[in-house]
């Protein structure tokens, strides 16, 4: 297993265990199967385990497995605060104590603000006393490192990095998201500031393996050396020095063993120019189904109405390059689940964006169509519920 260090010099396995997708049996986590997989990972050198308060049953299962095998001290636990459910400082403490009970521990190694997507939300949390509470926990050693997980655009990510002295952060990043979400620019910005980056969705939930177009699979199949699409995707990430840990939601012994093997071999700066040409070919095949040819250059931004135009088109395209529910889920997270909801339907058709777009995209019409498909009845209901219960206010 290869290791990379955090800000304090702690060695973290470059392969982390994502605990969202534990195997289930009769609707519940299959504890025996999951235990075998987790212990195989630990034997292979994996020492970073990532869960969250809202990952149904995950914290409790992980805590039980670590206690059974007396290996809590061998690993680093990462879990997340659902700040969007918290109304007060007392609520913070209740939630945190519940997490400690679930995980059967008295401290959390890496604690994240879950889905913190803009500075406005962070300021709201500070007003509720979150920053003071964090400082207390850090001083007591109940939290060892503080960070945030992120879904949003590059600029908001960089603003968040500058808003507090974070120990680490977590972003969605893979070869298809190189220039979307926090993107490579955000990764490099974090690296420059010395902030370790944990990667989630390296395979887009398996879609960069199971749902690849046949032509993209053929590109990988013809490449030398012979590697699976998953291995190529992981090596693309580990080739970058700014990547500290890559999470994988492993739910089979075979998957654990294969990923551990790759993580024991992969090193930074080892991919060749030909390798990077391969990824461009694969992306070209995946992108053949895109609806809007947006390159996420950002020239159209900022929108006077606060609409994330490149982000909207990314979600819209994902409805066709992957599945409709994938794009809609991503859009929900990056618009409705923000303090300031700025959906595409809020476009006032001022035309500023079109005058600046290098690709000459008819942005106003495309936003209208994107809103029609992304903001379906389920989106409208969830958005209204968020507003009604003031979840993000």
Protein backbone atom coordinates (compact mmCIF):
# COMPACT_ATOMS: atom_id res chain seq x y z
CA UNK A 1 0.00 0.00 0.00
CA UNK A 2 1.20 3.49 -0.86
CA UNK A 3 0.71 6.31 1.68
CA UNK A 4 0.54 10.10 1.48
CA UNK A 5 0.70 12.50 4.41
CA UNK A 6 -1.85 14.97 5.76
CA UNK A 7 -0.95 18.43 7.12
CA UNK A 8 0.33 16.94 10.38
CA UNK A 9 2.45 14.25 8.77
CA UNK A 10 0.01 11.41 9.41
CA UNK A 11 0.39 8.68 6.78
CA UNK A 12 -2.93 7.92 5.08
CA UNK A 13 -3.44 5.04 2.68
CA UNK A 14 -3.97 6.38 -0.83
CA UNK A 15 -6.94 3.99 -1.05
CA UNK A 16 -9.70 4.86 1.40
CA UNK A 17 -12.79 2.79 2.20
CA UNK A 18 -16.04 4.55 1.31
CA UNK A 19 -18.72 3.20 3.64
CA UNK A 20 -21.86 4.42 1.85
CA UNK A 21 -22.38 1.29 -0.24
CA UNK A 22 -22.08 -1.55 2.27
CA UNK A 23 -23.78 -4.72 1.03
CA UNK A 24 -27.30 -5.25 2.29
CA UNK A 25 -29.44 -8.29 3.04
CA UNK A 26 -33.20 -8.03 3.55
CA UNK A 27 -32.90 -4.26 3.60
CA UNK A 28 -30.22 -4.15 6.30
CA UNK A 29 -26.43 -4.00 6.14
CA UNK A 30 -24.97 -7.47 5.81
CA UNK A 31 -22.63 -7.22 8.78
CA UNK A 32 -20.83 -10.54 8.30
CA UNK A 33 -20.04 -9.91 4.62
CA UNK A 34 -19.07 -6.30 5.27
CA UNK A 35 -16.80 -7.39 8.13
CA UNK A 36 -14.90 -9.76 5.84
CA UNK A 37 -14.38 -6.99 3.29
CA UNK A 38 -13.31 -4.36 5.82
CA UNK A 39 -10.85 -6.68 7.54
CA UNK A 40 -9.39 -7.70 4.17
CA UNK A 41 -8.88 -4.01 3.40
CA UNK A 42 -7.17 -3.39 6.75
CA UNK A 43 -4.88 -6.37 6.20
CA UNK A 44 -4.04 -4.84 2.81
CA UNK A 45 -2.99 -1.57 4.42
CA UNK A 46 -6.15 0.56 4.09
CA UNK A 47 -6.36 2.85 7.12
CA UNK A 48 -8.88 5.56 6.12
CA UNK A 49 -12.61 4.83 6.50
CA UNK A 50 -15.23 7.35 5.45
CA UNK A 51 -18.85 7.31 6.62
CA UNK A 52 -21.56 9.87 7.52
CA UNK A 53 -24.46 10.47 9.88
CA UNK A 54 -26.98 10.07 7.05
CA UNK A 55 -25.51 6.85 5.57
CA UNK A 56 -28.25 4.63 6.96
CA UNK A 57 -26.69 2.17 9.42
CA UNK A 58 -23.15 2.72 8.16
CA UNK A 59 -21.68 4.37 11.27
CA UNK A 60 -23.10 1.72 13.59
CA UNK A 61 -21.93 -1.15 11.35
CA UNK A 62 -18.43 0.26 11.06
CA UNK A 63 -18.19 0.87 14.80
CA UNK A 64 -19.32 -2.68 15.59
CA UNK A 65 -16.85 -4.25 13.16
CA UNK A 66 -13.91 -2.26 14.48
CA UNK A 67 -14.85 -3.13 18.08
CA UNK A 68 -15.25 -6.85 17.32
CA UNK A 69 -11.80 -6.96 15.79
CA UNK A 70 -10.16 -4.58 18.28
CA UNK A 71 -8.69 -2.45 15.51
CA UNK A 72 -10.02 1.05 16.20
CA UNK A 73 -6.45 2.28 16.85
CA UNK A 74 -5.26 0.88 13.51
CA UNK A 75 -7.50 3.11 11.40
CA UNK A 76 -8.55 6.71 10.92
CA UNK A 77 -12.29 7.37 11.07
CA UNK A 78 -13.89 10.07 8.95
CA UNK A 79 -17.54 10.98 9.37
CA UNK A 80 -19.72 13.96 8.59
CA UNK A 81 -21.96 16.43 10.38
CA UNK A 82 -25.37 16.92 8.69
CA UNK A 83 -25.27 20.67 9.36
CA UNK A 84 -28.40 21.15 7.25
CA UNK A 85 -30.36 19.34 10.00
CA UNK A 86 -28.82 21.31 12.87
CA UNK A 87 -30.73 24.24 14.38
CA UNK A 88 -28.57 25.09 17.41
CA UNK A 89 -25.28 24.49 19.21
CA UNK A 90 -27.06 22.00 21.46
CA UNK A 91 -28.19 20.17 18.34
CA UNK A 92 -24.58 19.99 17.22
CA UNK A 93 -23.53 18.32 20.44
CA UNK A 94 -26.42 15.84 20.44
CA UNK A 95 -25.62 14.78 16.87
CA UNK A 96 -21.91 14.43 17.60
CA UNK A 97 -22.47 12.36 20.74
CA UNK A 98 -24.80 10.07 18.79
CA UNK A 99 -22.09 9.56 16.19
CA UNK A 100 -19.54 8.67 18.89
CA UNK A 101 -21.99 6.09 20.26
CA UNK A 102 -22.64 4.61 16.82
CA UNK A 103 -18.93 4.38 16.05
CA UNK A 104 -18.12 3.14 19.58
CA UNK A 105 -15.28 5.61 19.98
CA UNK A 106 -14.48 8.74 21.98
CA UNK A 107 -12.92 10.75 19.14
CA UNK A 108 -13.18 11.28 15.39
CA UNK A 109 -9.99 11.51 13.37
CA UNK A 110 -11.40 13.42 10.38
CA UNK A 111 -14.67 15.30 10.83
CA UNK A 112 -16.40 16.97 7.88
CA UNK A 113 -19.13 19.51 7.38
CA UNK A 114 -21.27 17.41 5.04
CA UNK A 115 -22.03 18.93 1.66
CA UNK A 116 -20.84 22.44 2.49
CA UNK A 117 -21.32 24.12 -0.86
CA UNK A 118 -20.71 27.84 -0.40
CA UNK A 119 -19.34 30.48 1.96
CA UNK A 120 -22.84 31.79 2.74
CA UNK A 121 -23.74 28.46 4.33
CA UNK A 122 -20.48 28.45 6.31
CA UNK A 123 -21.25 31.97 7.58
CA UNK A 124 -24.70 30.82 8.68
CA UNK A 125 -23.10 27.96 10.60
CA UNK A 126 -20.65 30.33 12.26
CA UNK A 127 -23.57 32.46 13.43
CA UNK A 128 -24.98 29.36 15.12
CA UNK A 129 -21.72 28.80 16.96
CA UNK A 130 -20.30 26.01 14.82
CA UNK A 131 -16.79 27.46 14.61
CA UNK A 132 -16.53 27.91 18.39
CA UNK A 133 -17.86 24.39 18.88
CA UNK A 134 -15.28 23.00 16.43
CA UNK A 135 -12.45 24.81 18.23
CA UNK A 136 -13.58 23.33 21.55
CA UNK A 137 -13.61 19.81 20.10
CA UNK A 138 -10.20 20.26 18.52
CA UNK A 139 -8.72 21.45 21.81
CA UNK A 140 -10.20 18.50 23.69
CA UNK A 141 -9.01 16.03 21.05
CA UNK A 142 -12.53 14.76 20.38
CA UNK A 143 -12.02 15.90 16.79
CA UNK A 144 -8.48 15.56 15.43
CA UNK A 145 -8.92 17.17 11.98
CA UNK A 146 -11.70 19.35 10.56
CA UNK A 147 -12.77 19.57 6.93
CA UNK A 148 -15.72 19.68 4.57
CA UNK A 149 -17.16 17.70 1.68
CA UNK A 150 -18.12 19.64 -1.41
CA UNK A 151 -20.41 19.65 -4.44
CA UNK A 152 -20.34 22.89 -6.40
CA UNK A 153 -18.22 24.95 -8.76
CA UNK A 154 -14.53 25.87 -8.67
CA UNK A 155 -14.88 29.46 -7.49
CA UNK A 156 -17.10 28.63 -4.53
CA UNK A 157 -14.69 25.85 -3.59
CA UNK A 158 -11.72 28.20 -3.55
CA UNK A 159 -13.68 30.74 -1.51
CA UNK A 160 -14.48 28.05 1.07
CA UNK A 161 -10.85 27.00 1.28
CA UNK A 162 -9.96 30.60 2.12
CA UNK A 163 -12.79 31.04 4.65
CA UNK A 164 -11.28 28.92 7.47
CA UNK A 165 -8.11 27.09 8.45
CA UNK A 166 -9.27 23.68 7.21
CA UNK A 167 -7.19 20.56 7.85
CA UNK A 168 -8.52 18.77 4.76
CA UNK A 169 -11.39 18.66 2.28
CA UNK A 170 -13.29 16.15 0.17
CA UNK A 171 -14.37 16.64 -3.45
CA UNK A 172 -15.95 14.70 -6.29
CA UNK A 173 -13.21 14.28 -8.87
CA UNK A 174 -12.45 11.88 -11.71
CA UNK A 175 -11.31 12.11 -15.32
CA UNK A 176 -14.81 13.13 -16.43
CA UNK A 177 -15.05 15.86 -13.77
CA UNK A 178 -11.61 17.30 -14.51
CA UNK A 179 -13.03 20.73 -15.33
CA UNK A 180 -16.34 20.64 -13.43
CA UNK A 181 -17.21 20.82 -9.72
CA UNK A 182 -14.03 21.77 -7.79
CA UNK A 183 -12.07 20.35 -10.74
CA UNK A 184 -8.34 20.23 -11.35
CA UNK A 185 -8.10 23.98 -10.72
CA UNK A 186 -9.61 23.52 -7.27
CA UNK A 187 -7.37 20.54 -6.55
CA UNK A 188 -4.26 22.51 -7.46
CA UNK A 189 -5.44 25.46 -5.36
CA UNK A 190 -5.85 23.17 -2.33
CA UNK A 191 -2.43 21.65 -2.95
CA UNK A 192 -0.84 25.11 -3.13
CA UNK A 193 -2.41 25.94 0.24
CA UNK A 194 -1.15 22.65 1.68
CA UNK A 195 -4.64 21.25 2.24
CA UNK A 196 -4.96 17.46 1.73
CA UNK A 197 -7.74 16.41 -0.65
CA UNK A 198 -9.83 13.26 -0.28
CA UNK A 199 -11.52 12.14 -3.50
CA UNK A 200 -15.06 10.77 -3.66
CA UNK A 201 -16.81 9.30 -6.70
CA UNK A 202 -13.59 8.31 -8.51
CA UNK A 203 -15.71 6.03 -10.72
CA UNK A 204 -18.90 8.13 -10.54
CA UNK A 205 -20.58 5.45 -8.49
CA UNK A 206 -19.31 2.72 -10.83
CA UNK A 207 -20.58 4.43 -13.96
CA UNK A 208 -17.06 4.82 -15.37
CA UNK A 209 -16.92 1.03 -15.35
CA UNK A 210 -20.39 -0.46 -15.74
CA UNK A 211 -22.03 2.19 -17.91
CA UNK A 212 -19.17 3.07 -20.24
CA UNK A 213 -20.17 3.19 -23.93
CA UNK A 214 -18.85 0.20 -25.85
CA UNK A 215 -16.53 2.42 -27.87
CA UNK A 216 -14.98 3.74 -24.65
CA UNK A 217 -14.51 0.18 -23.36
CA UNK A 218 -12.75 -0.68 -26.61
CA UNK A 219 -10.33 2.23 -26.12
CA UNK A 220 -9.30 0.84 -22.76
CA UNK A 221 -9.18 -2.74 -24.06
CA UNK A 222 -6.70 -1.80 -26.80
CA UNK A 223 -4.44 0.22 -24.48
CA UNK A 224 -1.09 -0.99 -23.16
CA UNK A 225 -0.41 -2.03 -20.49
CA UNK A 226 -3.58 -4.07 -20.00
CA UNK A 227 -5.66 -2.49 -17.24
CA UNK A 228 -9.34 -2.49 -16.32
CA UNK A 229 -11.32 0.75 -16.71
CA UNK A 230 -11.38 1.00 -12.90
CA UNK A 231 -7.61 0.71 -12.64
CA UNK A 232 -7.11 3.36 -15.32
CA UNK A 233 -9.47 5.70 -13.45
CA UNK A 234 -7.67 5.19 -10.13
CA UNK A 235 -4.24 5.65 -11.67
CA UNK A 236 -5.38 8.90 -13.32
CA UNK A 237 -6.14 10.23 -9.84
CA UNK A 238 -3.05 8.90 -8.07
CA UNK A 239 -0.88 10.37 -10.82
CA UNK A 240 -1.68 13.79 -9.32
CA UNK A 241 0.34 14.85 -6.28
CA UNK A 242 -2.54 16.93 -4.88
CA UNK A 243 -4.64 13.79 -4.35
CA UNK A 244 -4.15 12.39 -0.84
CA UNK A 245 -6.80 9.65 -0.52
CA UNK A 246 -9.16 8.13 -3.10
CA UNK A 247 -12.32 6.61 -1.64
CA UNK A 248 -13.79 3.45 -3.08
CA UNK A 249 -17.17 2.02 -2.06
CA UNK A 250 -15.94 -1.58 -2.04
CA UNK A 251 -18.55 -4.29 -1.48
CA UNK A 252 -16.85 -7.52 -2.52
CA UNK A 253 -13.62 -9.26 -1.53
CA UNK A 254 -12.54 -9.29 -5.16
CA UNK A 255 -13.00 -5.53 -5.44
CA UNK A 256 -11.04 -4.95 -2.23
CA UNK A 257 -8.18 -7.17 -3.37
CA UNK A 258 -7.98 -5.64 -6.85
CA UNK A 259 -8.05 -2.07 -5.54
CA UNK A 260 -5.46 -2.79 -2.84
CA UNK A 261 -3.16 -4.28 -5.49
CA UNK A 262 -3.39 -1.18 -7.68
CA UNK A 263 -2.91 1.10 -4.65
CA UNK A 264 0.27 -0.80 -3.77
CA UNK A 265 1.73 -0.08 -7.21
CA UNK A 266 0.43 3.33 -8.36
CA UNK A 267 2.65 6.38 -7.96
CA UNK A 268 2.40 10.05 -8.87
CA UNK A 269 3.72 11.32 -12.20
CA UNK A 270 3.92 7.86 -13.79
CA UNK A 271 1.36 8.24 -16.59
CA UNK A 272 2.73 8.98 -20.04
CA UNK A 273 1.61 11.36 -22.76
CA UNK A 274 0.06 8.38 -24.54
CA UNK A 275 -1.89 7.51 -21.41
CA UNK A 276 -3.39 10.98 -21.27
CA UNK A 277 -4.31 10.76 -24.96
CA UNK A 278 -6.17 7.57 -24.08
CA UNK A 279 -8.29 9.42 -21.51
CA UNK A 280 -9.12 12.09 -24.07
CA UNK A 281 -10.32 9.40 -26.49
CA UNK A 282 -12.45 7.81 -23.78
CA UNK A 283 -13.97 11.17 -22.80
CA UNK A 284 -14.74 11.87 -26.44
CA UNK A 285 -16.71 8.63 -26.70
CA UNK A 286 -18.58 9.30 -23.46
CA UNK A 287 -19.40 12.86 -24.53
CA UNK A 288 -20.96 11.90 -27.85
CA UNK A 289 -24.38 12.00 -26.16
CA UNK A 290 -24.02 15.43 -24.57
CA UNK A 291 -26.85 17.88 -25.14
CA UNK A 292 -24.91 21.13 -24.67
CA UNK A 293 -21.31 21.58 -25.78
CA UNK A 294 -20.31 23.55 -22.69
CA UNK A 295 -16.63 23.32 -21.80
CA UNK A 296 -17.12 24.83 -18.31
CA UNK A 297 -14.67 27.63 -19.15
CA UNK A 298 -16.67 30.02 -16.94
CA UNK A 299 -16.63 33.00 -19.31
CA UNK A 300 -20.41 33.27 -18.90
CA UNK A 301 -20.07 33.72 -15.16
CA UNK A 302 -21.05 35.26 -12.86
CA UNK A 303 -24.71 35.22 -13.80
CA UNK A 304 -26.55 38.31 -12.45
CA UNK A 305 -29.21 35.94 -11.07
CA UNK A 306 -26.66 33.66 -9.41
CA UNK A 307 -27.34 30.70 -11.72
CA UNK A 308 -24.45 28.26 -12.05
CA UNK A 309 -24.65 28.00 -15.83
CA UNK A 310 -21.81 25.48 -16.41
CA UNK A 311 -23.06 23.42 -13.44
CA UNK A 312 -26.58 23.34 -14.85
CA UNK A 313 -25.35 22.16 -18.25
CA UNK A 314 -23.17 19.51 -16.58
CA UNK A 315 -26.22 18.07 -14.81
CA UNK A 316 -28.32 18.34 -17.97
CA UNK A 317 -25.67 16.47 -19.97
CA UNK A 318 -25.41 13.78 -17.30
CA UNK A 319 -29.08 13.00 -17.87
CA UNK A 320 -28.09 11.77 -21.33
CA UNK A 321 -24.51 10.56 -20.92
CA UNK A 322 -25.47 8.56 -17.82
CA UNK A 323 -29.06 8.34 -16.55
CA UNK A 324 -31.81 10.96 -16.03
CA UNK A 325 -31.89 10.37 -12.28
CA UNK A 326 -28.12 10.95 -12.04
CA UNK A 327 -28.34 14.42 -13.55
CA UNK A 328 -31.43 15.32 -11.53
CA UNK A 329 -29.85 14.20 -8.25
CA UNK A 330 -26.70 16.20 -8.95
CA UNK A 331 -28.77 19.27 -9.88
CA UNK A 332 -30.82 18.96 -6.69
CA UNK A 333 -27.66 18.90 -4.55
CA UNK A 334 -26.07 21.89 -6.27
CA UNK A 335 -29.12 24.16 -6.41
CA UNK A 336 -31.88 23.30 -3.91
CA UNK A 337 -29.43 22.24 -1.20
CA UNK A 338 -27.81 25.66 -0.96
CA UNK A 339 -28.55 28.66 1.19
CA UNK A 340 -29.30 30.72 -1.92
CA UNK A 341 -31.29 28.58 -4.33
CA UNK A 342 -30.53 29.68 -7.87
CA UNK A 343 -32.18 27.23 -10.29
CA UNK A 344 -32.02 27.61 -14.07
CA UNK A 345 -35.70 28.56 -14.14
CA UNK A 346 -34.68 31.86 -12.54
CA UNK A 347 -33.07 33.03 -15.79
CA UNK A 348 -34.39 36.49 -16.77
CA UNK A 349 -32.98 36.17 -20.32
CA UNK A 350 -30.73 39.23 -20.06
CA UNK A 351 -28.33 37.71 -22.61
CA UNK A 352 -25.11 38.73 -20.85
CA UNK A 353 -23.89 35.12 -20.80
CA UNK A 354 -24.36 34.62 -24.54
CA UNK A 355 -22.32 37.69 -25.39
CA UNK A 356 -19.39 36.22 -23.43
CA UNK A 357 -19.64 32.54 -24.42
CA UNK A 358 -16.67 31.47 -26.62
CA UNK A 359 -18.65 28.44 -27.82
CA UNK A 360 -21.52 30.66 -29.03
CA UNK A 361 -24.05 28.52 -27.17
CA UNK A 362 -27.66 29.73 -27.16
CA UNK A 363 -27.51 29.72 -23.38
CA UNK A 364 -30.93 31.24 -22.70
CA UNK A 365 -32.74 28.61 -24.74
CA UNK A 366 -30.58 25.79 -23.40
CA UNK A 367 -31.21 26.90 -19.81
CA UNK A 368 -34.93 26.95 -20.50
CA UNK A 369 -34.80 23.39 -21.82
CA UNK A 370 -32.52 22.25 -19.01
CA UNK A 371 -34.89 23.70 -16.40
CA UNK A 372 -37.83 21.94 -18.07
CA UNK A 373 -36.11 18.56 -17.72
CA UNK A 374 -34.16 18.99 -14.49
CA UNK A 375 -36.80 20.76 -12.43
CA UNK A 376 -39.43 18.04 -12.55
CA UNK A 377 -42.22 17.60 -9.99
CA UNK A 378 -39.92 15.78 -7.54
CA UNK A 379 -37.43 18.62 -7.68
CA UNK A 380 -40.19 21.15 -7.05
CA UNK A 381 -41.46 19.20 -4.03
CA UNK A 382 -38.02 18.80 -2.43
CA UNK A 383 -37.15 22.43 -3.07
CA UNK A 384 -40.38 23.59 -1.45
CA UNK A 385 -39.80 21.33 1.57
CA UNK A 386 -36.31 22.77 2.02
CA UNK A 387 -37.75 26.28 1.93
CA UNK A 388 -40.68 25.39 4.18
CA UNK A 389 -38.60 23.80 6.92
CA UNK A 390 -35.73 26.25 6.45
CA UNK A 391 -33.24 23.37 6.27
CA UNK A 392 -30.59 25.52 4.62
CA UNK A 393 -31.34 28.88 6.25
